[in-house]
Protein backbone atom coordinates (compact mmCIF):
# COMPACT_ATOMS: atom_id res chain seq x y z
CA MET A 1 -8.94 -60.29 -137.90
CA LYS A 2 -5.60 -58.64 -137.22
CA ASN A 3 -6.61 -55.73 -139.48
CA LEU A 4 -9.65 -54.87 -137.36
CA ARG A 5 -9.60 -52.23 -134.65
CA GLN A 6 -12.19 -51.25 -132.04
CA ILE A 7 -13.06 -47.58 -131.54
CA VAL A 8 -14.82 -46.51 -128.36
CA THR A 9 -17.33 -43.75 -129.07
CA LYS A 10 -20.63 -42.35 -127.84
CA ALA A 11 -23.88 -43.20 -129.58
CA VAL A 12 -27.57 -43.76 -128.91
CA VAL A 13 -27.67 -47.15 -127.17
CA ALA A 14 -31.32 -47.29 -126.09
CA LYS A 15 -34.67 -45.76 -126.97
CA GLY A 16 -38.17 -45.74 -125.55
CA LYS A 17 -41.46 -44.11 -126.48
CA LYS A 18 -44.68 -43.63 -124.57
CA ARG A 19 -48.03 -42.11 -125.43
CA SER A 20 -50.22 -41.09 -122.49
CA GLU A 21 -53.82 -40.01 -122.12
CA SER A 22 -55.27 -38.63 -118.93
CA THR A 23 -58.38 -36.87 -117.66
CA GLU A 24 -57.94 -33.86 -115.44
CA VAL A 25 -60.77 -32.51 -113.28
CA LEU A 26 -60.67 -28.77 -112.57
CA ARG A 27 -62.87 -26.75 -110.25
CA PRO A 28 -63.27 -23.06 -111.24
CA PRO A 29 -64.30 -20.40 -108.68
CA ASN A 30 -67.58 -19.75 -110.51
CA LYS A 31 -70.20 -22.27 -111.57
CA PRO A 32 -69.70 -22.61 -115.34
CA SER A 33 -72.49 -22.08 -117.83
CA GLY A 34 -70.52 -23.18 -120.87
CA ILE A 35 -66.97 -23.78 -122.18
CA LEU A 36 -65.72 -21.37 -124.86
CA GLY A 37 -62.21 -22.77 -125.30
CA CYS A 38 -59.40 -24.78 -123.75
CA TRP A 39 -55.66 -24.77 -124.39
CA ILE A 40 -52.48 -26.05 -122.71
CA ILE A 41 -49.22 -24.07 -122.41
CA ASN A 42 -45.96 -23.86 -120.43
CA HIS A 43 -44.97 -27.51 -120.64
CA THR A 44 -41.71 -28.33 -118.83
CA HIS A 45 -40.16 -31.66 -117.87
CA GLN A 46 -37.17 -33.40 -116.26
CA SER A 47 -36.02 -36.99 -116.47
CA LYS A 48 -34.01 -39.57 -114.57
CA LYS A 49 -32.96 -43.10 -115.49
CA TYR A 50 -33.71 -46.09 -113.27
CA GLY A 51 -32.37 -49.32 -114.72
CA LYS A 52 -34.21 -50.02 -117.97
CA TYR A 53 -36.75 -47.25 -117.38
CA VAL A 54 -36.73 -43.47 -117.62
CA GLU A 55 -39.04 -41.53 -115.35
CA VAL A 56 -40.19 -38.20 -116.75
CA TYR A 57 -41.51 -35.59 -114.34
CA GLY A 58 -43.37 -32.72 -115.98
CA LYS A 59 -46.03 -30.08 -115.57
CA PHE A 60 -48.19 -27.85 -117.76
CA ASP A 61 -50.90 -25.22 -117.44
CA ILE A 62 -54.48 -25.89 -118.51
CA ASN A 63 -56.43 -22.77 -119.45
CA VAL A 64 -60.23 -22.97 -119.73
CA TRP A 65 -62.19 -20.04 -121.12
CA TYR A 66 -65.74 -20.34 -119.87
CA SER A 67 -68.93 -18.40 -119.30
CA HIS A 68 -70.73 -18.15 -115.98
CA HIS A 69 -73.63 -16.37 -114.25
CA ASP A 70 -76.04 -17.63 -116.88
CA HIS A 71 -73.72 -16.74 -119.79
CA SER A 72 -73.53 -13.09 -118.74
CA LYS A 73 -69.80 -13.10 -117.88
CA THR A 74 -66.66 -14.86 -119.10
CA SER A 75 -63.43 -15.79 -117.36
CA VAL A 76 -60.28 -17.84 -117.93
CA TYR A 77 -59.45 -20.42 -115.30
CA THR A 78 -55.83 -21.66 -115.15
CA GLU A 79 -54.51 -24.62 -113.19
CA THR A 80 -51.06 -26.26 -113.19
CA ILE A 81 -51.05 -30.03 -113.63
CA SER A 82 -48.12 -32.27 -112.69
CA TYR A 83 -47.49 -35.72 -114.15
CA LYS A 84 -45.03 -38.62 -114.08
CA ASP A 85 -44.47 -40.95 -117.05
CA ARG A 86 -42.41 -44.15 -116.92
CA VAL A 87 -40.82 -44.94 -120.27
CA ARG A 88 -39.44 -48.42 -120.89
CA LEU A 89 -36.07 -48.53 -122.65
CA HIS A 90 -35.08 -50.96 -125.39
CA TYR A 91 -31.36 -51.70 -125.71
CA ARG A 92 -29.91 -53.18 -128.90
CA ASP A 93 -26.67 -54.45 -127.38
CA GLY A 94 -27.53 -54.58 -123.69
CA ALA A 95 -26.74 -52.05 -121.00
CA THR A 96 -23.33 -50.39 -121.31
CA GLY A 97 -22.58 -50.23 -117.59
CA GLY A 98 -20.83 -46.86 -117.98
CA PRO A 99 -22.07 -43.30 -117.59
CA GLU A 100 -25.15 -42.56 -119.70
CA ASP A 101 -26.99 -39.40 -120.65
CA VAL A 102 -30.76 -39.27 -121.07
CA TYR A 103 -32.47 -36.99 -123.60
CA ILE A 104 -36.23 -36.49 -123.84
CA LYS A 105 -37.89 -35.42 -127.07
CA VAL A 106 -41.51 -34.32 -126.99
CA ILE A 107 -43.23 -35.85 -130.00
CA GLN A 108 -46.67 -34.57 -129.00
CA GLN A 109 -46.97 -31.62 -126.64
CA PRO A 110 -49.74 -31.95 -124.03
CA ASN A 111 -52.89 -31.26 -126.00
CA CYS A 112 -56.54 -30.93 -125.03
CA THR A 113 -58.74 -33.40 -126.93
CA GLU A 114 -61.96 -32.75 -125.04
CA ALA A 115 -63.26 -30.36 -122.38
CA VAL A 116 -66.73 -30.72 -120.87
CA ILE A 117 -68.63 -29.69 -117.78
CA THR A 118 -69.13 -32.56 -115.35
CA LYS A 119 -72.58 -33.84 -114.38
CA CYS A 120 -72.49 -31.96 -111.11
CA GLY A 121 -72.24 -28.75 -113.11
CA GLU A 122 -69.41 -27.23 -111.07
CA LYS A 123 -66.23 -28.76 -112.57
CA PHE A 124 -64.40 -29.22 -115.86
CA SER A 125 -63.32 -32.58 -117.20
CA VAL A 126 -60.36 -32.11 -119.57
CA SER A 127 -58.87 -34.95 -121.62
CA VAL A 128 -55.14 -34.54 -122.30
CA GLU A 129 -52.83 -36.51 -124.59
CA ARG A 130 -49.04 -36.38 -124.91
CA GLU A 131 -46.22 -38.48 -126.38
CA LEU A 132 -42.56 -38.62 -125.31
CA LEU A 133 -39.43 -40.19 -126.79
CA ALA A 134 -36.49 -41.09 -124.55
CA GLU A 135 -32.96 -41.61 -125.91
CA VAL A 136 -29.99 -42.87 -123.90
CA VAL A 137 -26.49 -41.94 -125.06
CA GLY A 138 -23.62 -44.10 -123.79
CA GLU A 139 -20.29 -45.57 -124.78
CA THR A 140 -20.21 -48.25 -127.44
CA LYS A 141 -17.61 -49.93 -129.64
CA VAL A 142 -17.27 -49.68 -133.41
CA CYS A 143 -15.08 -52.04 -135.45
CA VAL A 144 -13.12 -50.61 -138.38
CA GLN A 145 -10.79 -52.19 -140.90
CA VAL A 146 -7.19 -50.97 -141.00
CA HIS A 147 -5.30 -50.94 -144.33
CA PRO A 148 -1.85 -52.49 -143.95
CA HIS A 149 -0.27 -50.19 -146.57
CA ASP A 150 -0.50 -46.52 -147.34
CA PHE A 151 -2.81 -45.65 -150.17
CA GLU A 152 -3.67 -42.51 -152.06
CA GLU A 153 -7.26 -41.46 -152.50
CA GLU A 154 -8.45 -40.72 -156.00
CA TRP A 155 -9.11 -37.03 -156.46
CA ARG A 156 -10.32 -35.27 -159.56
CA PHE A 157 -8.48 -32.07 -160.31
CA ASP A 158 -9.35 -29.53 -163.01
CA ASP A 159 -6.42 -28.68 -165.32
CA GLU A 160 -4.95 -25.27 -164.66
CA SER A 161 -2.47 -23.53 -166.97
CA SER A 162 -0.08 -20.74 -166.06
CA SER A 163 1.96 -18.34 -168.21
CA SER A 164 5.39 -16.93 -167.48
CA SER A 165 4.35 -13.62 -169.01
CA SER A 166 2.38 -12.89 -165.87
CA SER A 167 5.60 -12.70 -163.85
CA SER A 168 7.33 -10.55 -166.51
CA SER A 169 4.42 -8.16 -166.81
CA SER A 170 5.24 -6.71 -163.40
CA GLY A 171 8.29 -5.00 -164.88
CA HIS A 172 6.95 -4.16 -168.37
CA GLY A 173 3.24 -3.50 -167.86
CA ASP A 174 0.84 -5.73 -169.79
CA GLY A 175 1.76 -8.12 -172.58
CA LYS A 176 1.07 -5.61 -175.38
CA GLY A 177 3.39 -3.01 -173.90
CA TYR A 178 6.16 -5.56 -173.62
CA LYS A 179 5.92 -6.46 -177.34
CA LYS A 180 5.89 -2.81 -178.34
CA ASP A 181 9.03 -2.03 -176.36
CA PHE A 182 10.71 -5.02 -177.90
CA GLY A 183 9.85 -3.75 -181.40
CA ASP A 184 11.19 -0.26 -180.70
CA HIS A 185 14.42 -1.70 -179.35
CA LYS A 186 14.88 -3.83 -182.44
CA GLY A 187 14.32 -0.89 -184.76
CA GLY A 188 16.89 1.16 -182.93
CA SER A 189 19.46 -1.58 -183.31
CA ASP A 190 18.99 -1.68 -187.09
CA LYS A 191 19.45 2.08 -187.34
CA ASP A 192 22.70 2.01 -185.40
CA SER A 193 24.08 -0.82 -187.52
CA SER A 194 23.32 1.04 -190.75
CA SER A 195 25.13 4.10 -189.55
CA LEU A 196 28.17 2.01 -188.93
């Protein structure tokens, strides 16, 4: 045990996921004759941690394209919807007790699954689904084993060869020129010795 050390680091210490379905009732300015399309955009959210829960506050825009005046005209009605989701957290090692950061990942953006005209004939009933993932990052401890002696890691090196002619070539040009000069110098020495 004396060769073990504890390292304090930051990691994901808790997670939570929640899938929500809701029905939103919208009232357009004109009595609708039919629904031509429905889509959701501009989703934003914020979060705050309360104990073992994360509360997510968000909003999005529902856009309904519809016909009115006995299908003679079309319009797009937009309404901003606010929501609050409570996500339960699951800790693996218990709460850390220190400062924690909360991150929200949107697994499923708010999406329209159904849009119909209500029985009264003056409103829209829009079914919306969404799914959120909450992650809590806090301090945790990691145990590592310490080697009592220095050791050298095994590395694989490719063999590299070097030649001394590369350093000599700076004064005599390339290798062929150096051999040629050497031959001329040798010939000159033989001529001088014969004259003696």
